[in-house]
């Protein structure tokens, strides 16, 4: 039960807090009661769980505000928001990924953002639909990296457009 509660608290902090948004212990209690069916969790228990999460290496900051109420936020989630935005923008304009691959990858990065940050990401994303549906860039890149790691040669097929014949002339090279 303790492990589940800590996971619920971590998930809540990662979803609803960031550098600009924090939550109080009463908000965490409300979330645990309404969403996770964990009623009667005491303030001291939540503070102890927050201390455990901090001891595990999570960057949780505490701010004291009016009436000496403590507010908490999970700050460092692996990538900064600007890094995630850059990666998501790069994915969204990539012409070699299918729309499904783009949406799947972007969804994974959304899991690293708070809800407020996700709204900022979504407002900027425009998916490029020009990719061939049969091309699996990620699988091909994985194969290339594996072959390079094994120090094997790779056959590349290059094409050059010939103006006179109006066709592409292909040639091969081993690298």
N, C-alpha and C. Protein backbone atom coordinates (compact mmCIF):
# COMPACT_ATOMS: atom_id res chain seq x y z
N UNK A 1 0.82 -1.19 0.00
CA UNK A 1 0.00 0.00 0.00
C UNK A 1 0.86 1.26 0.00
N UNK A 2 1.97 1.26 0.79
CA UNK A 2 2.85 2.42 0.83
C UNK A 2 3.45 2.68 -0.54
N UNK A 3 3.86 1.61 -1.23
CA UNK A 3 4.49 1.76 -2.54
C UNK A 3 3.51 2.34 -3.55
N UNK A 4 2.28 1.87 -3.51
CA UNK A 4 1.28 2.39 -4.44
C UNK A 4 1.02 3.87 -4.18
N UNK A 5 0.93 4.25 -2.91
CA UNK A 5 0.66 5.63 -2.55
C UNK A 5 1.78 6.55 -3.06
N UNK A 6 3.02 6.12 -2.89
CA UNK A 6 4.16 6.92 -3.35
C UNK A 6 4.12 7.08 -4.87
N UNK A 7 3.77 6.01 -5.56
CA UNK A 7 3.67 6.08 -7.02
C UNK A 7 2.56 7.03 -7.43
N UNK A 8 1.43 6.98 -6.74
CA UNK A 8 0.33 7.90 -7.04
C UNK A 8 0.75 9.35 -6.80
N UNK A 9 1.47 9.59 -5.72
CA UNK A 9 1.93 10.95 -5.42
C UNK A 9 2.91 11.42 -6.48
N UNK A 10 3.85 10.55 -6.85
CA UNK A 10 4.83 10.91 -7.89
C UNK A 10 4.12 11.22 -9.21
N UNK A 11 3.17 10.38 -9.58
CA UNK A 11 2.42 10.58 -10.83
C UNK A 11 1.65 11.91 -10.77
N UNK A 12 1.04 12.20 -9.64
CA UNK A 12 0.29 13.46 -9.50
C UNK A 12 1.22 14.66 -9.62
N UNK A 13 2.38 14.60 -8.96
CA UNK A 13 3.33 15.70 -9.03
C UNK A 13 3.87 15.88 -10.46
N UNK A 14 4.16 14.77 -11.13
CA UNK A 14 4.71 14.89 -12.48
C UNK A 14 3.66 15.41 -13.46
N UNK A 15 2.40 15.16 -13.19
CA UNK A 15 1.32 15.56 -14.10
C UNK A 15 0.87 17.00 -13.87
N UNK A 16 0.84 17.43 -12.62
CA UNK A 16 0.22 18.71 -12.31
C UNK A 16 1.17 19.78 -11.79
N UNK A 17 2.46 19.47 -11.70
CA UNK A 17 3.39 20.49 -11.21
C UNK A 17 4.54 20.69 -12.18
N UNK A 18 5.11 21.87 -12.14
CA UNK A 18 6.31 22.21 -12.90
C UNK A 18 6.90 23.46 -12.26
N UNK A 19 7.76 24.17 -12.96
CA UNK A 19 8.40 25.35 -12.40
C UNK A 19 7.39 26.44 -12.03
N UNK A 20 6.25 26.46 -12.70
CA UNK A 20 5.25 27.52 -12.50
C UNK A 20 4.01 27.07 -11.74
N UNK A 21 3.87 25.78 -11.50
CA UNK A 21 2.67 25.26 -10.85
C UNK A 21 3.08 24.32 -9.72
N UNK A 22 2.49 24.53 -8.55
CA UNK A 22 2.76 23.64 -7.42
C UNK A 22 1.45 23.26 -6.75
N UNK A 23 1.51 22.29 -5.83
CA UNK A 23 0.30 21.80 -5.17
C UNK A 23 0.55 21.71 -3.67
N UNK A 24 -0.53 21.80 -2.91
CA UNK A 24 -0.45 21.68 -1.46
C UNK A 24 -0.71 20.24 -1.04
N UNK A 25 -0.46 19.96 0.20
CA UNK A 25 -0.71 18.61 0.71
C UNK A 25 -2.20 18.30 0.68
N UNK A 26 -3.04 19.29 0.93
CA UNK A 26 -4.49 19.03 0.87
C UNK A 26 -4.93 18.68 -0.55
N UNK A 27 -4.30 19.28 -1.56
CA UNK A 27 -4.63 18.91 -2.95
C UNK A 27 -4.17 17.48 -3.24
N UNK A 28 -3.02 17.10 -2.72
CA UNK A 28 -2.55 15.72 -2.90
C UNK A 28 -3.50 14.76 -2.20
N UNK A 29 -3.94 15.10 -0.98
CA UNK A 29 -4.90 14.25 -0.25
C UNK A 29 -6.19 14.09 -1.04
N UNK A 30 -6.67 15.19 -1.60
CA UNK A 30 -7.91 15.16 -2.39
C UNK A 30 -7.75 14.24 -3.61
N UNK A 31 -6.61 14.33 -4.28
CA UNK A 31 -6.34 13.47 -5.43
C UNK A 31 -6.29 12.00 -5.00
N UNK A 32 -5.60 11.72 -3.91
CA UNK A 32 -5.51 10.33 -3.44
C UNK A 32 -6.89 9.78 -3.08
N UNK A 33 -7.73 10.61 -2.48
CA UNK A 33 -9.06 10.15 -2.07
C UNK A 33 -9.98 9.96 -3.27
N UNK A 34 -10.00 10.93 -4.20
CA UNK A 34 -10.95 10.90 -5.31
C UNK A 34 -10.53 9.98 -6.44
N UNK A 35 -9.27 9.99 -6.80
CA UNK A 35 -8.81 9.26 -7.97
C UNK A 35 -8.27 7.88 -7.61
N UNK A 36 -7.57 7.79 -6.49
CA UNK A 36 -6.87 6.54 -6.14
C UNK A 36 -7.58 5.74 -5.06
N UNK A 37 -8.70 6.22 -4.56
CA UNK A 37 -9.46 5.55 -3.50
C UNK A 37 -8.63 5.31 -2.24
N UNK A 38 -7.73 6.24 -1.94
CA UNK A 38 -6.94 6.16 -0.71
C UNK A 38 -7.42 7.27 0.22
N UNK A 39 -8.38 6.93 1.07
CA UNK A 39 -8.93 7.93 1.98
C UNK A 39 -8.16 7.90 3.30
N UNK A 40 -8.27 8.95 4.02
CA UNK A 40 -7.66 9.09 5.35
C UNK A 40 -6.14 9.00 5.34
N UNK A 41 -5.50 9.57 4.34
CA UNK A 41 -4.04 9.65 4.32
C UNK A 41 -3.68 10.94 5.05
N UNK A 42 -2.87 10.82 6.09
CA UNK A 42 -2.54 11.96 6.93
C UNK A 42 -1.48 12.85 6.28
N UNK A 43 -1.47 14.11 6.73
CA UNK A 43 -0.48 15.07 6.23
C UNK A 43 0.94 14.58 6.47
N UNK A 44 1.18 14.02 7.64
CA UNK A 44 2.52 13.56 8.00
C UNK A 44 2.97 12.44 7.05
N UNK A 45 2.05 11.58 6.69
CA UNK A 45 2.37 10.48 5.77
C UNK A 45 2.77 11.01 4.41
N UNK A 46 2.03 12.00 3.92
CA UNK A 46 2.35 12.59 2.61
C UNK A 46 3.70 13.31 2.67
N UNK A 47 3.96 14.04 3.75
CA UNK A 47 5.26 14.71 3.90
C UNK A 47 6.39 13.68 3.91
N UNK A 48 6.19 12.58 4.60
CA UNK A 48 7.20 11.52 4.65
C UNK A 48 7.41 10.91 3.25
N UNK A 49 6.33 10.72 2.51
CA UNK A 49 6.44 10.20 1.15
C UNK A 49 7.17 11.18 0.24
N UNK A 50 6.91 12.47 0.40
CA UNK A 50 7.62 13.48 -0.38
C UNK A 50 9.11 13.49 -0.03
N UNK A 51 9.43 13.31 1.25
CA UNK A 51 10.83 13.20 1.65
C UNK A 51 11.48 11.97 1.04
N UNK A 52 10.76 10.86 0.99
CA UNK A 52 11.30 9.63 0.37
C UNK A 52 11.55 9.84 -1.13
N UNK A 53 10.61 10.49 -1.80
CA UNK A 53 10.80 10.76 -3.22
C UNK A 53 12.01 11.66 -3.45
N UNK A 54 12.20 12.63 -2.58
CA UNK A 54 13.37 13.50 -2.69
C UNK A 54 14.65 12.72 -2.43
N UNK A 55 14.63 11.85 -1.43
CA UNK A 55 15.81 11.04 -1.12
C UNK A 55 16.16 10.09 -2.27
N UNK A 56 15.16 9.72 -3.07
CA UNK A 56 15.39 8.84 -4.22
C UNK A 56 15.99 9.60 -5.40
N UNK A 57 16.18 10.91 -5.26
CA UNK A 57 16.82 11.68 -6.33
C UNK A 57 15.89 12.57 -7.12
N UNK A 58 14.63 12.63 -6.76
CA UNK A 58 13.69 13.51 -7.45
C UNK A 58 13.84 14.93 -6.92
N UNK A 59 13.79 15.89 -7.83
CA UNK A 59 13.95 17.30 -7.44
C UNK A 59 12.60 17.89 -7.12
N UNK A 60 12.20 17.76 -5.85
CA UNK A 60 10.92 18.30 -5.40
C UNK A 60 11.22 19.53 -4.56
N UNK A 61 10.66 20.66 -4.96
CA UNK A 61 10.88 21.91 -4.23
C UNK A 61 9.66 22.24 -3.39
N UNK A 62 9.93 22.89 -2.27
CA UNK A 62 8.87 23.28 -1.34
C UNK A 62 8.85 24.79 -1.24
N UNK A 63 7.66 25.37 -1.37
CA UNK A 63 7.48 26.81 -1.22
C UNK A 63 6.47 27.02 -0.09
N UNK A 64 6.79 27.92 0.83
CA UNK A 64 5.84 28.29 1.87
C UNK A 64 5.14 29.57 1.44
N UNK A 65 3.81 29.54 1.52
CA UNK A 65 3.03 30.70 1.12
C UNK A 65 2.14 31.15 2.28
N UNK A 66 1.02 31.77 1.93
CA UNK A 66 0.13 32.34 2.94
C UNK A 66 -0.24 31.32 4.01
N UNK A 67 -0.33 31.82 5.23
CA UNK A 67 -0.66 31.02 6.41
C UNK A 67 0.32 29.87 6.60
N UNK A 68 1.55 30.06 6.12
CA UNK A 68 2.63 29.08 6.25
C UNK A 68 2.24 27.72 5.63
N UNK A 69 1.46 27.77 4.55
CA UNK A 69 1.06 26.55 3.85
C UNK A 69 2.18 26.16 2.88
N UNK A 70 2.55 24.89 2.93
CA UNK A 70 3.63 24.39 2.06
C UNK A 70 3.04 23.93 0.73
N UNK A 71 3.72 24.32 -0.35
CA UNK A 71 3.35 23.89 -1.70
C UNK A 71 4.56 23.18 -2.31
N UNK A 72 4.30 22.12 -3.06
CA UNK A 72 5.37 21.28 -3.59
C UNK A 72 5.26 21.19 -5.11
N UNK A 73 6.44 21.04 -5.73
CA UNK A 73 6.47 20.88 -7.19
C UNK A 73 7.64 19.98 -7.56
N UNK A 74 7.40 19.08 -8.50
CA UNK A 74 8.46 18.24 -9.06
C UNK A 74 9.04 19.01 -10.24
N UNK A 75 10.31 19.36 -10.13
CA UNK A 75 10.91 20.26 -11.12
C UNK A 75 11.63 19.50 -12.24
N UNK A 76 12.64 18.78 -11.91
CA UNK A 76 13.48 18.15 -12.93
C UNK A 76 12.93 16.76 -13.25
N UNK A 77 12.37 16.62 -14.46
CA UNK A 77 11.77 15.35 -14.86
C UNK A 77 12.60 14.64 -15.92
N UNK A 78 13.87 14.95 -16.02
CA UNK A 78 14.73 14.32 -17.02
C UNK A 78 15.10 15.29 -18.13
N UNK A 79 14.11 15.78 -18.83
CA UNK A 79 14.31 16.78 -19.87
C UNK A 79 13.67 18.08 -19.41
N UNK A 80 14.27 19.20 -19.80
CA UNK A 80 13.60 20.48 -19.55
C UNK A 80 12.46 20.62 -20.57
N UNK A 81 11.54 21.52 -20.28
CA UNK A 81 10.41 21.70 -21.20
C UNK A 81 10.89 22.16 -22.58
N UNK A 82 11.88 23.04 -22.62
CA UNK A 82 12.39 23.51 -23.91
C UNK A 82 13.05 22.38 -24.69
N UNK A 83 13.72 21.45 -24.01
CA UNK A 83 14.30 20.30 -24.70
C UNK A 83 13.21 19.41 -25.27
N UNK A 84 12.15 19.20 -24.49
CA UNK A 84 11.03 18.38 -24.98
C UNK A 84 10.35 19.07 -26.16
N UNK A 85 10.17 20.38 -26.07
CA UNK A 85 9.54 21.11 -27.17
C UNK A 85 10.38 20.98 -28.45
N UNK A 86 11.70 21.09 -28.32
CA UNK A 86 12.59 20.96 -29.47
C UNK A 86 12.46 19.56 -30.09
N UNK A 87 12.48 18.53 -29.25
CA UNK A 87 12.37 17.15 -29.74
C UNK A 87 11.02 16.93 -30.42
N UNK A 88 9.95 17.40 -29.79
CA UNK A 88 8.60 17.22 -30.35
C UNK A 88 8.47 17.97 -31.67
N UNK A 89 9.01 19.18 -31.74
CA UNK A 89 8.96 19.92 -33.01
C UNK A 89 9.75 19.19 -34.09
N UNK A 90 10.88 18.63 -33.71
CA UNK A 90 11.70 17.88 -34.68
C UNK A 90 10.95 16.65 -35.18
N UNK A 91 10.28 15.97 -34.28
CA UNK A 91 9.49 14.80 -34.66
C UNK A 91 8.36 15.22 -35.59
N UNK A 92 7.68 16.31 -35.25
CA UNK A 92 6.49 16.70 -36.02
C UNK A 92 6.81 17.14 -37.44
N UNK A 93 8.03 17.62 -37.70
CA UNK A 93 8.37 18.04 -39.06
C UNK A 93 9.18 16.99 -39.81
N UNK A 94 9.45 15.87 -39.18
CA UNK A 94 10.25 14.82 -39.82
C UNK A 94 9.47 14.21 -40.97
N UNK A 95 10.05 14.19 -42.14
CA UNK A 95 9.33 13.69 -43.32
C UNK A 95 9.45 12.18 -43.49
N UNK A 96 10.25 11.51 -42.66
CA UNK A 96 10.43 10.07 -42.80
C UNK A 96 9.56 9.26 -41.85
N UNK A 97 8.89 9.91 -40.90
CA UNK A 97 8.02 9.21 -39.97
C UNK A 97 6.58 9.30 -40.43
N UNK A 98 5.83 8.24 -40.21
CA UNK A 98 4.41 8.27 -40.53
C UNK A 98 3.68 9.08 -39.46
N UNK A 99 2.45 9.45 -39.74
CA UNK A 99 1.65 10.21 -38.77
C UNK A 99 1.46 9.39 -37.49
N UNK A 100 1.25 8.09 -37.63
CA UNK A 100 1.08 7.24 -36.46
C UNK A 100 2.35 7.21 -35.61
N UNK A 101 3.52 7.06 -36.27
CA UNK A 101 4.79 7.06 -35.53
C UNK A 101 5.01 8.39 -34.82
N UNK A 102 4.68 9.47 -35.49
CA UNK A 102 4.84 10.80 -34.87
C UNK A 102 3.96 10.93 -33.64
N UNK A 103 2.69 10.54 -33.77
CA UNK A 103 1.77 10.66 -32.64
C UNK A 103 2.21 9.79 -31.47
N UNK A 104 2.71 8.58 -31.77
CA UNK A 104 3.17 7.67 -30.73
C UNK A 104 4.37 8.25 -29.98
N UNK A 105 5.34 8.77 -30.72
CA UNK A 105 6.53 9.35 -30.09
C UNK A 105 6.17 10.61 -29.28
N UNK A 106 5.34 11.45 -29.84
CA UNK A 106 4.95 12.67 -29.14
C UNK A 106 4.20 12.34 -27.86
N UNK A 107 3.36 11.32 -27.89
CA UNK A 107 2.61 10.89 -26.71
C UNK A 107 3.57 10.49 -25.59
N UNK A 108 4.69 9.83 -25.95
CA UNK A 108 5.68 9.43 -24.95
C UNK A 108 6.31 10.65 -24.29
N UNK A 109 6.60 11.68 -25.08
CA UNK A 109 7.19 12.89 -24.51
C UNK A 109 6.17 13.69 -23.71
N UNK A 110 4.90 13.60 -24.08
CA UNK A 110 3.87 14.28 -23.30
C UNK A 110 3.81 13.71 -21.89
N UNK A 111 4.14 12.43 -21.73
CA UNK A 111 4.16 11.81 -20.41
C UNK A 111 5.20 12.42 -19.49
N UNK A 112 6.15 13.15 -20.04
CA UNK A 112 7.19 13.80 -19.23
C UNK A 112 6.84 15.24 -18.89
N UNK A 113 5.65 15.68 -19.29
CA UNK A 113 5.25 17.07 -19.09
C UNK A 113 4.06 17.17 -18.16
N UNK A 114 3.90 18.33 -17.57
CA UNK A 114 2.69 18.60 -16.80
C UNK A 114 1.56 18.91 -17.79
N UNK A 115 0.33 18.95 -17.29
CA UNK A 115 -0.81 19.25 -18.16
C UNK A 115 -0.68 20.63 -18.80
N UNK A 116 -0.19 21.61 -18.04
CA UNK A 116 -0.02 22.96 -18.59
C UNK A 116 1.01 22.96 -19.71
N UNK A 117 2.08 22.20 -19.55
CA UNK A 117 3.11 22.13 -20.59
C UNK A 117 2.59 21.39 -21.82
N UNK A 118 1.76 20.37 -21.62
CA UNK A 118 1.18 19.63 -22.75
C UNK A 118 0.34 20.57 -23.60
N UNK A 119 -0.43 21.46 -22.96
CA UNK A 119 -1.24 22.43 -23.72
C UNK A 119 -0.35 23.34 -24.56
N UNK A 120 0.83 23.70 -24.05
CA UNK A 120 1.75 24.52 -24.82
C UNK A 120 2.32 23.73 -25.99
N UNK A 121 2.60 22.45 -25.78
CA UNK A 121 3.14 21.62 -26.86
C UNK A 121 2.12 21.44 -27.97
N UNK A 122 0.90 21.12 -27.60
CA UNK A 122 -0.14 20.82 -28.58
C UNK A 122 -0.42 22.03 -29.46
N UNK A 123 -0.35 23.23 -28.91
CA UNK A 123 -0.67 24.41 -29.69
C UNK A 123 0.36 24.67 -30.78
N UNK A 124 1.54 24.06 -30.69
CA UNK A 124 2.60 24.32 -31.65
C UNK A 124 2.81 23.18 -32.64
N UNK A 125 2.18 22.05 -32.45
CA UNK A 125 2.49 20.88 -33.26
C UNK A 125 1.66 20.87 -34.53
N UNK A 126 2.34 20.71 -35.66
CA UNK A 126 1.69 20.50 -36.95
C UNK A 126 2.39 19.30 -37.57
N UNK A 127 1.63 18.23 -37.78
CA UNK A 127 2.23 17.01 -38.30
C UNK A 127 2.37 17.06 -39.81
N UNK A 128 3.51 16.60 -40.30
CA UNK A 128 3.79 16.56 -41.72
C UNK A 128 3.36 15.18 -42.23
N UNK A 129 2.48 15.11 -43.20
CA UNK A 129 1.91 13.84 -43.68
C UNK A 129 2.57 13.33 -44.95
N UNK A 130 3.77 13.78 -45.32
CA UNK A 130 4.37 13.45 -46.61
C UNK A 130 5.09 12.10 -46.63
N UNK A 131 5.18 11.41 -45.55
CA UNK A 131 6.00 10.20 -45.46
C UNK A 131 5.30 9.00 -46.10
N UNK A 132 6.10 8.14 -46.70
CA UNK A 132 5.59 6.88 -47.20
C UNK A 132 5.22 5.99 -46.02
N UNK A 133 4.07 5.35 -46.08
CA UNK A 133 3.62 4.54 -44.94
C UNK A 133 4.42 3.26 -44.77
N UNK A 134 5.18 2.85 -45.78
CA UNK A 134 5.94 1.62 -45.67
C UNK A 134 7.34 1.83 -45.09
N UNK A 135 7.78 3.07 -44.97
CA UNK A 135 9.12 3.37 -44.49
C UNK A 135 9.13 3.40 -42.97
N UNK A 136 9.98 2.60 -42.35
CA UNK A 136 10.12 2.59 -40.91
C UNK A 136 11.51 3.10 -40.55
N UNK A 137 11.62 4.39 -40.41
CA UNK A 137 12.91 5.04 -40.18
C UNK A 137 13.58 4.55 -38.90
N UNK A 138 12.80 4.43 -37.82
CA UNK A 138 13.39 4.04 -36.54
C UNK A 138 13.99 2.64 -36.61
N UNK A 139 13.30 1.73 -37.28
CA UNK A 139 13.82 0.37 -37.43
C UNK A 139 15.08 0.36 -38.29
N UNK A 140 15.09 1.15 -39.38
CA UNK A 140 16.27 1.23 -40.24
C UNK A 140 17.46 1.84 -39.50
N UNK A 141 17.22 2.89 -38.71
CA UNK A 141 18.31 3.48 -37.94
C UNK A 141 18.86 2.50 -36.92
N UNK A 142 17.99 1.72 -36.32
CA UNK A 142 18.44 0.71 -35.36
C UNK A 142 19.33 -0.32 -36.06
N UNK A 143 18.95 -0.77 -37.25
CA UNK A 143 19.77 -1.72 -38.00
C UNK A 143 21.13 -1.14 -38.35
N UNK A 144 21.13 0.12 -38.79
CA UNK A 144 22.40 0.77 -39.16
C UNK A 144 23.32 0.88 -37.96
N UNK A 145 22.79 1.29 -36.82
CA UNK A 145 23.61 1.41 -35.61
C UNK A 145 24.14 0.05 -35.16
N UNK A 146 23.30 -0.96 -35.27
CA UNK A 146 23.73 -2.31 -34.89
C UNK A 146 24.86 -2.80 -35.80
N UNK A 147 24.72 -2.58 -37.11
CA UNK A 147 25.76 -3.01 -38.06
C UNK A 147 27.06 -2.23 -37.86
N UNK A 148 26.97 -0.96 -37.58
CA UNK A 148 28.17 -0.17 -37.31
C UNK A 148 28.85 -0.68 -36.05
N UNK A 149 28.06 -0.98 -35.03
CA UNK A 149 28.61 -1.53 -33.78
C UNK A 149 29.31 -2.86 -33.99
N UNK A 150 28.83 -3.64 -34.94
CA UNK A 150 29.44 -4.94 -35.25
C UNK A 150 30.55 -4.80 -36.29
N UNK A 151 30.84 -3.58 -36.70
CA UNK A 151 31.88 -3.26 -37.69
C UNK A 151 31.65 -4.00 -39.01
N UNK A 152 30.41 -4.06 -39.45
CA UNK A 152 30.08 -4.68 -40.72
C UNK A 152 29.90 -3.61 -41.78
N UNK A 153 30.04 -4.01 -43.03
CA UNK A 153 29.83 -3.08 -44.14
C UNK A 153 28.34 -3.01 -44.46
N UNK A 154 27.94 -1.84 -44.93
CA UNK A 154 26.54 -1.61 -45.28
C UNK A 154 26.48 -1.23 -46.75
N UNK A 155 25.57 -1.85 -47.49
CA UNK A 155 25.35 -1.50 -48.90
C UNK A 155 24.35 -0.36 -48.96
N UNK A 156 24.77 0.75 -49.56
CA UNK A 156 23.88 1.89 -49.74
C UNK A 156 23.54 2.00 -51.22
N UNK A 157 22.28 2.32 -51.49
CA UNK A 157 21.82 2.53 -52.86
C UNK A 157 21.58 4.02 -53.03
N UNK A 158 22.34 4.62 -53.94
CA UNK A 158 22.22 6.05 -54.21
C UNK A 158 21.51 6.23 -55.55
N UNK A 159 20.86 7.34 -55.70
CA UNK A 159 20.20 7.65 -56.96
C UNK A 159 20.55 9.04 -57.44
N UNK A 160 20.73 9.15 -58.75
CA UNK A 160 21.03 10.43 -59.36
C UNK A 160 20.08 10.61 -60.54
N UNK A 161 19.44 11.76 -60.57
CA UNK A 161 18.47 12.03 -61.63
C UNK A 161 19.22 12.42 -62.90
N UNK A 162 18.91 11.72 -63.98
CA UNK A 162 19.54 11.99 -65.27
C UNK A 162 18.58 12.85 -66.10
N UNK A 163 18.99 14.06 -66.41
CA UNK A 163 18.15 15.01 -67.13
C UNK A 163 17.81 14.53 -68.54
N UNK A 164 18.74 13.84 -69.18
CA UNK A 164 18.51 13.43 -70.57
C UNK A 164 17.48 12.31 -70.68
N UNK A 165 17.58 11.31 -69.80
CA UNK A 165 16.64 10.19 -69.85
C UNK A 165 15.42 10.40 -68.97
N UNK A 166 15.46 11.43 -68.13
CA UNK A 166 14.36 11.73 -67.20
C UNK A 166 14.07 10.56 -66.26
N UNK A 167 15.13 9.86 -65.85
CA UNK A 167 15.00 8.74 -64.92
C UNK A 167 16.09 8.84 -63.86
N UNK A 168 15.90 8.08 -62.81
CA UNK A 168 16.89 8.04 -61.75
C UNK A 168 17.83 6.87 -62.02
N UNK A 169 19.11 7.15 -62.06
CA UNK A 169 20.13 6.11 -62.24
C UNK A 169 20.65 5.72 -60.86
N UNK A 170 20.51 4.45 -60.51
CA UNK A 170 20.94 3.97 -59.19
C UNK A 170 22.33 3.37 -59.27
N UNK A 171 23.09 3.55 -58.18
CA UNK A 171 24.39 2.91 -58.06
C UNK A 171 24.59 2.56 -56.59
N UNK A 172 25.44 1.57 -56.35
CA UNK A 172 25.63 1.03 -55.00
C UNK A 172 27.03 1.30 -54.50
N UNK A 173 27.14 1.47 -53.17
CA UNK A 173 28.44 1.62 -52.54
C UNK A 173 28.39 0.90 -51.20
N UNK A 174 29.50 0.27 -50.85
CA UNK A 174 29.63 -0.36 -49.55
C UNK A 174 30.38 0.60 -48.64
N UNK A 175 29.87 0.78 -47.46
CA UNK A 175 30.51 1.68 -46.48
C UNK A 175 30.75 0.95 -45.18
